[in-house]
Amino acid sequence: MKYMKFIPSAMLLTSLALFPQVSFAKDVTINLGYATAESSSYGVLATKFEELAEKHSNGTIDVKIRCCGQLITEDEAFKAMQLGTVDMYIITANNVSPHFPLMDAFVLPYIFESKDHAYRVLEGDVGQQMADRLKEDTGVYLLTYGVVGDRDFFNSRNLITNIDDMKGMKVRVPKNQVMLDTFDAFGAAAIPLPWADTPTALQTRAVDGGDAGTPFVKSQKFYEFMPYFSVLEHFTYFSPLFASPRIMNKLDDQQREAVMRAAAEAGAYQKEVVSAQVADIRKFLTTEGGMQTAEVDKSGFIEAGKKVQDEFAAGKGEDFQNLLESVRAADN
């Protein structure tokens, strides 16, 4: 797999600042959707992008935000952007994998040793190469990776203190093979469900538990009906902002530069804001939110996760295996 030279964000923003402020050719409306609540971390990214895209384009771009699945479900959004029926959408990385299998290298359990490791990958050569490859293979633009977080685990059956506590638990899992394999390796009964069906399945006890990015546990109010909370740090999540080729082709050169600049700045803003909120959210969930928690011995989860990494990669091609090695090497 060939790696393209990555231009650091600071250099990109500096170069874009050199372009003179001129009038753009025509006004363009962009509909930007996401599936979660307006108060979620998706909302932080979308709202900031709206502000900056309109500012940097001198008002010739009008961004209309559609939260809460108003435009389409997250599972269907990527294909809709390929078809040009949706302009922009924020999609969790694991829901991109069915359309771009290489993304699963970033979904693998415990693939990132730390947040610094994750950002070195996504904001460096590997992340830029992935964005370029995604554009080449699917036509869809990845505008920013945004914040990196952890998927926290919650359930209604029992506290999790080690991997044995998850045995036989019915766990809602996104329709992603890596994630299904991971929870199977953890000893759970993995049940694939779309995000839109998850709250009802949890409330009716059709499933015992599930996981989500820390901010979503609060914004979706899972604490109101899930009594147990665990910090497993088993999956790293990030939710890139994507754009359809149709909408990008409607922009003139300077509008496109305004969109790219707005996305980079909005991603950096979301990273700063949401990262600072995580500790407070976890404290809220286990105090005011009423969820019970316990310290987790992660050794069994990590061992199982590493096996999933190797077994999954063994069934993929050379491109995937090379990408996995590049991700691992970035921690050195």
Protein backbone atom coordinates (compact mmCIF):
# COMPACT_ATOMS: atom_id res chain seq x y z
CA MET A 1 0.00 0.00 0.00
CA LYS A 2 1.53 3.32 -1.04
CA TYR A 3 1.44 6.16 1.45
CA MET A 4 0.91 9.73 0.30
CA LYS A 5 2.69 12.60 1.96
CA PHE A 6 0.56 14.14 4.71
CA ILE A 7 0.35 17.91 5.12
CA PRO A 8 -0.02 18.73 8.84
CA SER A 9 -3.22 20.57 9.77
CA ALA A 10 -1.35 23.69 10.86
CA MET A 11 0.40 23.92 7.50
CA LEU A 12 -2.88 23.34 5.67
CA LEU A 13 -4.64 26.09 7.59
CA THR A 14 -1.70 28.45 7.05
CA SER A 15 -1.70 27.84 3.32
CA LEU A 16 -5.46 28.30 3.11
CA ALA A 17 -5.17 31.59 4.95
CA LEU A 18 -3.05 32.92 2.09
CA PHE A 19 -5.96 32.81 -0.33
CA PRO A 20 -7.48 36.25 -0.78
CA GLN A 21 -11.05 36.89 0.35
CA VAL A 22 -13.01 37.16 -2.86
CA SER A 23 -16.59 36.74 -3.91
CA PHE A 24 -17.70 33.22 -4.72
CA ALA A 25 -19.58 32.28 -7.83
CA LYS A 26 -22.90 31.07 -6.42
CA ASP A 27 -24.72 30.24 -3.21
CA VAL A 28 -24.83 26.59 -2.13
CA THR A 29 -26.95 24.90 0.54
CA ILE A 30 -25.46 21.87 2.30
CA ASN A 31 -27.62 19.48 4.31
CA LEU A 32 -25.54 17.89 7.07
CA GLY A 33 -27.04 14.97 8.97
CA TYR A 34 -26.24 12.80 11.93
CA ALA A 35 -28.12 10.12 13.86
CA THR A 36 -27.63 11.05 17.50
CA ALA A 37 -29.11 13.65 19.84
CA GLU A 38 -28.43 17.33 19.24
CA SER A 39 -26.51 17.50 22.54
CA SER A 40 -24.12 14.69 21.51
CA SER A 41 -20.51 15.05 20.40
CA TYR A 42 -21.79 14.83 16.81
CA GLY A 43 -23.71 18.02 17.52
CA VAL A 44 -20.52 19.75 18.69
CA LEU A 45 -18.80 18.95 15.39
CA ALA A 46 -21.79 19.77 13.18
CA THR A 47 -22.58 23.10 14.84
CA LYS A 48 -18.98 24.29 14.66
CA PHE A 49 -18.67 23.20 11.04
CA GLU A 50 -21.84 25.11 10.16
CA GLU A 51 -20.48 28.27 11.77
CA LEU A 52 -17.05 28.04 10.14
CA ALA A 53 -18.18 26.95 6.66
CA GLU A 54 -20.54 29.91 6.45
CA LYS A 55 -17.84 32.26 7.77
CA HIS A 56 -15.00 31.05 5.55
CA SER A 57 -17.20 31.10 2.44
CA ASN A 58 -18.30 34.71 3.06
CA GLY A 59 -21.86 33.47 3.49
CA THR A 60 -22.15 31.76 0.11
CA ILE A 61 -22.48 28.36 1.81
CA ASP A 62 -25.55 27.74 3.96
CA VAL A 63 -25.29 24.63 6.14
CA LYS A 64 -28.55 23.07 7.31
CA ILE A 65 -28.06 20.66 10.23
CA ARG A 66 -30.38 17.66 10.54
CA CYS A 67 -29.82 15.78 13.79
CA CYS A 68 -31.40 12.67 15.24
CA GLY A 69 -31.69 10.71 11.99
CA GLN A 70 -33.97 13.25 10.28
CA LEU A 71 -32.26 12.77 6.91
CA ILE A 72 -31.55 9.03 7.00
CA THR A 73 -30.22 6.37 9.36
CA GLU A 74 -26.49 6.12 9.97
CA ASP A 75 -26.41 2.61 8.50
CA GLU A 76 -27.77 3.95 5.19
CA ALA A 77 -25.97 7.29 5.05
CA PHE A 78 -22.72 6.27 3.39
CA LYS A 79 -24.43 4.64 0.41
CA ALA A 80 -26.72 7.67 0.12
CA MET A 81 -23.69 9.95 -0.13
CA GLN A 82 -22.26 7.75 -2.86
CA LEU A 83 -25.56 8.10 -4.71
CA GLY A 84 -25.63 11.85 -4.06
CA THR A 85 -28.95 11.84 -2.20
CA VAL A 86 -27.31 13.04 1.04
CA ASP A 87 -24.78 15.89 1.10
CA MET A 88 -22.83 15.33 4.32
CA TYR A 89 -23.13 12.99 7.28
CA ILE A 90 -21.23 12.20 10.47
CA ILE A 91 -20.77 8.43 10.69
CA THR A 92 -19.10 6.33 13.37
CA ALA A 93 -16.13 4.55 11.81
CA ASN A 94 -17.46 1.02 12.36
CA ASN A 95 -20.51 1.83 10.21
CA VAL A 96 -18.24 2.75 7.31
CA SER A 97 -16.57 -0.67 7.19
CA PRO A 98 -19.28 -2.40 5.09
CA HIS A 99 -18.58 0.15 2.35
CA PHE A 100 -14.81 0.49 2.89
CA PRO A 101 -13.40 -2.65 4.58
CA LEU A 102 -10.00 -1.14 5.38
CA MET A 103 -11.70 0.97 8.06
CA ASP A 104 -11.95 -2.17 10.17
CA ALA A 105 -8.24 -1.87 10.96
CA PHE A 106 -9.16 1.11 13.13
CA VAL A 107 -12.13 -0.72 14.68
CA LEU A 108 -10.15 -3.72 16.00
CA PRO A 109 -10.31 -4.13 19.80
CA TYR A 110 -7.46 -2.53 21.74
CA ILE A 111 -5.76 -1.54 18.47
CA PHE A 112 -4.66 1.81 19.90
CA GLU A 113 -2.45 1.75 22.97
CA SER A 114 -3.40 5.30 23.95
CA LYS A 115 -5.14 8.42 22.67
CA ASP A 116 -1.76 9.79 21.60
CA HIS A 117 -1.23 6.65 19.53
CA ALA A 118 -4.67 7.06 17.90
CA TYR A 119 -4.07 10.69 17.00
CA ARG A 120 -0.61 9.89 15.60
CA VAL A 121 -2.31 7.45 13.25
CA LEU A 122 -5.35 9.51 12.25
CA GLU A 123 -3.62 12.90 12.03
CA GLY A 124 -0.49 11.50 10.37
CA ASP A 125 0.49 9.72 7.19
CA VAL A 126 -1.75 6.70 7.77
CA GLY A 127 -4.88 8.77 8.33
CA GLN A 128 -4.26 10.89 5.24
CA GLN A 129 -3.60 7.80 3.14
CA MET A 130 -6.88 6.30 4.39
CA ALA A 131 -8.82 9.41 3.41
CA ASP A 132 -7.21 9.38 -0.04
CA ARG A 133 -7.88 5.68 -0.51
CA LEU A 134 -11.51 6.05 0.61
CA LYS A 135 -12.02 8.84 -1.93
CA GLU A 136 -10.42 6.69 -4.65
CA ASP A 137 -12.45 3.57 -3.84
CA THR A 138 -15.84 5.06 -2.96
CA GLY A 139 -15.91 8.65 -4.22
CA VAL A 140 -16.78 9.91 -0.73
CA TYR A 141 -14.70 12.62 0.94
CA LEU A 142 -13.50 12.20 4.54
CA LEU A 143 -13.22 15.80 5.73
CA THR A 144 -12.09 15.30 9.34
CA TYR A 145 -11.70 12.41 11.78
CA GLY A 146 -12.61 14.60 14.76
CA VAL A 147 -12.32 13.47 18.36
CA VAL A 148 -11.12 10.03 19.45
CA GLY A 149 -12.93 8.46 22.38
CA ASP A 150 -13.73 5.13 24.00
CA ARG A 151 -16.88 3.07 23.85
CA ASP A 152 -18.07 2.56 27.43
CA PHE A 153 -20.04 -0.54 28.36
CA PHE A 154 -23.39 -0.59 30.14
CA ASN A 155 -25.82 -3.37 31.07
CA SER A 156 -28.80 -4.33 33.19
CA ARG A 157 -27.60 -7.74 34.42
CA ASN A 158 -24.53 -7.36 36.66
CA LEU A 159 -21.38 -5.42 37.40
CA ILE A 160 -18.37 -6.20 35.20
CA THR A 161 -15.15 -6.79 37.14
CA ASN A 162 -13.46 -9.23 34.74
CA ILE A 163 -14.15 -11.06 31.50
CA ASP A 164 -16.01 -13.91 33.25
CA ASP A 165 -18.75 -11.47 34.29
CA MET A 166 -19.76 -11.05 30.64
CA LYS A 167 -20.29 -14.73 29.92
CA GLY A 168 -23.61 -15.34 28.17
CA MET A 169 -24.71 -11.70 28.35
CA LYS A 170 -26.89 -10.60 25.43
CA VAL A 171 -25.06 -7.57 24.05
CA ARG A 172 -26.28 -5.19 21.36
CA VAL A 173 -23.50 -4.76 18.81
CA PRO A 174 -23.41 -2.62 15.65
CA LYS A 175 -23.58 -4.54 12.38
CA ASN A 176 -19.80 -4.78 12.13
CA GLN A 177 -18.02 -8.13 11.95
CA VAL A 178 -15.01 -7.04 14.02
CA MET A 179 -17.27 -5.92 16.85
CA LEU A 180 -19.41 -9.06 16.66
CA ASP A 181 -16.29 -11.25 16.76
CA THR A 182 -14.95 -9.25 19.70
CA PHE A 183 -17.97 -9.70 21.93
CA ASP A 184 -18.12 -13.37 20.99
CA ALA A 185 -14.47 -13.60 22.12
CA PHE A 186 -15.46 -11.88 25.37
CA GLY A 187 -17.95 -14.70 26.01
CA ALA A 188 -21.07 -12.63 25.33
CA ALA A 189 -23.95 -13.41 22.99
CA ALA A 190 -23.49 -10.68 20.38
CA ILE A 191 -26.72 -9.44 18.79
CA PRO A 192 -26.40 -7.08 15.79
CA LEU A 193 -28.84 -4.17 15.89
CA PRO A 194 -29.01 -0.78 14.18
CA TRP A 195 -28.48 2.26 16.41
CA ALA A 196 -32.08 3.36 15.91
CA ASP A 197 -33.38 0.13 17.45
CA THR A 198 -30.97 0.10 20.38
CA PRO A 199 -32.81 2.18 23.05
CA THR A 200 -35.99 0.11 22.69
CA ALA A 201 -34.07 -3.18 22.81
CA LEU A 202 -32.31 -2.08 25.99
CA GLN A 203 -35.47 -0.79 27.67
CA THR A 204 -37.48 -3.92 26.90
CA ARG A 205 -34.55 -6.14 27.95
CA ALA A 206 -34.43 -7.79 24.54
CA VAL A 207 -30.70 -7.31 25.10
CA ASP A 208 -28.86 -7.04 28.41
CA GLY A 209 -26.39 -4.37 27.46
CA GLY A 210 -24.31 -2.59 24.87
CA ASP A 211 -21.62 0.01 24.42
CA ALA A 212 -21.33 3.55 23.10
CA GLY A 213 -18.98 6.49 23.17
CA THR A 214 -18.89 8.07 26.62
CA PRO A 215 -20.81 11.24 25.62
CA PHE A 216 -23.58 9.18 24.02
CA VAL A 217 -24.28 7.22 27.21
CA LYS A 218 -25.31 10.54 28.71
CA SER A 219 -26.88 12.28 25.70
CA GLN A 220 -29.05 9.22 24.94
CA LYS A 221 -29.94 8.96 28.67
CA PHE A 222 -29.02 5.28 28.87
CA TYR A 223 -28.35 5.84 32.57
CA GLU A 224 -32.11 6.06 33.12
CA PHE A 225 -32.59 2.34 32.41
CA MET A 226 -29.11 0.75 32.48
CA PRO A 227 -27.94 0.30 36.09
CA TYR A 228 -24.35 -0.92 35.49
CA PHE A 229 -21.48 1.03 33.89
CA SER A 230 -17.98 -0.18 32.96
CA VAL A 231 -14.91 1.51 31.50
CA LEU A 232 -13.51 -1.30 29.32
CA GLU A 233 -11.77 0.90 26.70
CA HIS A 234 -12.17 -2.07 24.35
CA PHE A 235 -13.04 -0.07 21.22
CA THR A 236 -11.79 3.32 20.23
CA TYR A 237 -14.40 5.34 18.41
CA PHE A 238 -14.19 8.32 16.12
CA SER A 239 -16.92 9.76 13.95
CA PRO A 240 -15.63 11.39 10.77
CA LEU A 241 -17.48 14.03 8.81
CA PHE A 242 -18.04 12.80 5.25
CA ALA A 243 -19.17 14.60 2.10
CA SER A 244 -20.71 13.29 -1.09
CA PRO A 245 -18.94 13.80 -4.42
CA ARG A 246 -22.11 15.49 -5.68
CA ILE A 247 -21.98 18.31 -3.13
CA MET A 248 -18.22 18.73 -3.41
CA ASN A 249 -18.53 19.04 -7.18
CA LYS A 250 -21.13 21.81 -6.76
CA LEU A 251 -18.57 23.98 -4.96
CA ASP A 252 -16.13 26.22 -6.77
CA ASP A 253 -12.45 26.02 -5.79
CA GLN A 254 -12.63 28.67 -3.08
CA GLN A 255 -15.82 27.25 -1.57
CA ARG A 256 -14.20 23.85 -1.47
CA GLU A 257 -11.20 25.34 0.33
CA ALA A 258 -13.62 26.98 2.78
CA VAL A 259 -15.29 23.62 3.47
CA MET A 260 -11.98 21.81 3.98
CA ARG A 261 -10.73 24.54 6.28
CA ALA A 262 -13.97 24.58 8.26
CA ALA A 263 -13.87 20.79 8.67
CA ALA A 264 -10.27 20.81 9.92
CA GLU A 265 -10.97 23.58 12.42
CA ALA A 266 -14.27 22.05 13.56
CA GLY A 267 -12.57 18.68 14.09
CA ALA A 268 -9.89 20.30 16.23
CA TYR A 269 -12.57 22.15 18.21
CA GLN A 270 -14.59 18.97 18.80
CA LYS A 271 -11.42 17.17 19.93
CA GLU A 272 -10.70 19.85 22.52
CA VAL A 273 -14.25 20.21 23.82
CA VAL A 274 -15.32 16.58 23.96
CA SER A 275 -12.02 15.24 25.33
CA ALA A 276 -12.34 17.63 28.26
CA GLN A 277 -15.86 16.39 29.00
CA VAL A 278 -15.19 12.65 29.33
CA ALA A 279 -14.08 12.54 32.99
CA ASP A 280 -17.00 14.74 34.04
CA ILE A 281 -19.50 12.61 32.09
CA ARG A 282 -18.26 9.39 33.67
CA LYS A 283 -18.51 11.03 37.10
CA PHE A 284 -22.06 12.16 36.36
CA LEU A 285 -23.12 8.71 35.19
CA THR A 286 -21.89 7.03 38.37
CA THR A 287 -23.15 9.71 40.79
CA GLU A 288 -26.15 11.79 39.72
CA GLY A 289 -26.94 9.33 36.94
CA GLY A 290 -27.25 6.52 39.46
CA MET A 291 -25.21 3.90 37.58
CA GLN A 292 -23.12 1.43 39.59
CA THR A 293 -19.53 0.80 38.57
CA ALA A 294 -16.49 -1.18 39.68
CA GLU A 295 -12.82 -1.38 38.77
CA VAL A 296 -12.30 -3.80 35.87
CA ASP A 297 -9.46 -6.27 35.49
CA LYS A 298 -8.97 -5.79 31.75
CA SER A 299 -6.30 -8.45 31.25
CA GLY A 300 -8.74 -11.08 29.95
CA PHE A 301 -10.44 -8.58 27.65
CA ILE A 302 -7.10 -7.41 26.24
CA GLU A 303 -5.89 -10.96 25.64
CA ALA A 304 -9.10 -11.82 23.81
CA GLY A 305 -8.93 -8.57 21.84
CA LYS A 306 -5.39 -9.22 20.63
CA LYS A 307 -6.46 -12.65 19.35
CA VAL A 308 -9.31 -11.03 17.44
CA GLN A 309 -6.82 -8.61 15.84
CA ASP A 310 -4.60 -11.40 14.56
CA GLU A 311 -7.40 -13.76 13.50
CA PHE A 312 -9.33 -11.06 11.67
CA ALA A 313 -6.24 -9.76 9.85
CA ALA A 314 -5.28 -13.29 8.79
CA GLY A 315 -8.47 -13.51 6.74
CA LYS A 316 -7.88 -10.21 4.96
CA GLY A 317 -5.62 -9.24 2.11
CA GLU A 318 -2.17 -7.73 2.00
CA ASP A 319 -3.46 -4.15 2.06
CA PHE A 320 -5.27 -4.74 5.35
CA GLN A 321 -2.33 -6.54 6.93
CA ASN A 322 0.09 -3.79 5.89
CA LEU A 323 -2.26 -1.17 7.29
CA LEU A 324 -2.50 -3.04 10.60
CA GLU A 325 1.29 -3.14 10.86
CA SER A 326 1.47 0.58 10.11
CA VAL A 327 -1.02 1.29 12.90
CA ARG A 328 0.92 -0.83 15.36
CA ALA A 329 4.24 0.73 14.32
CA ALA A 330 2.92 4.23 14.96
CA ASP A 331 2.98 3.50 18.69
CA ASN A 332 6.78 3.15 18.66
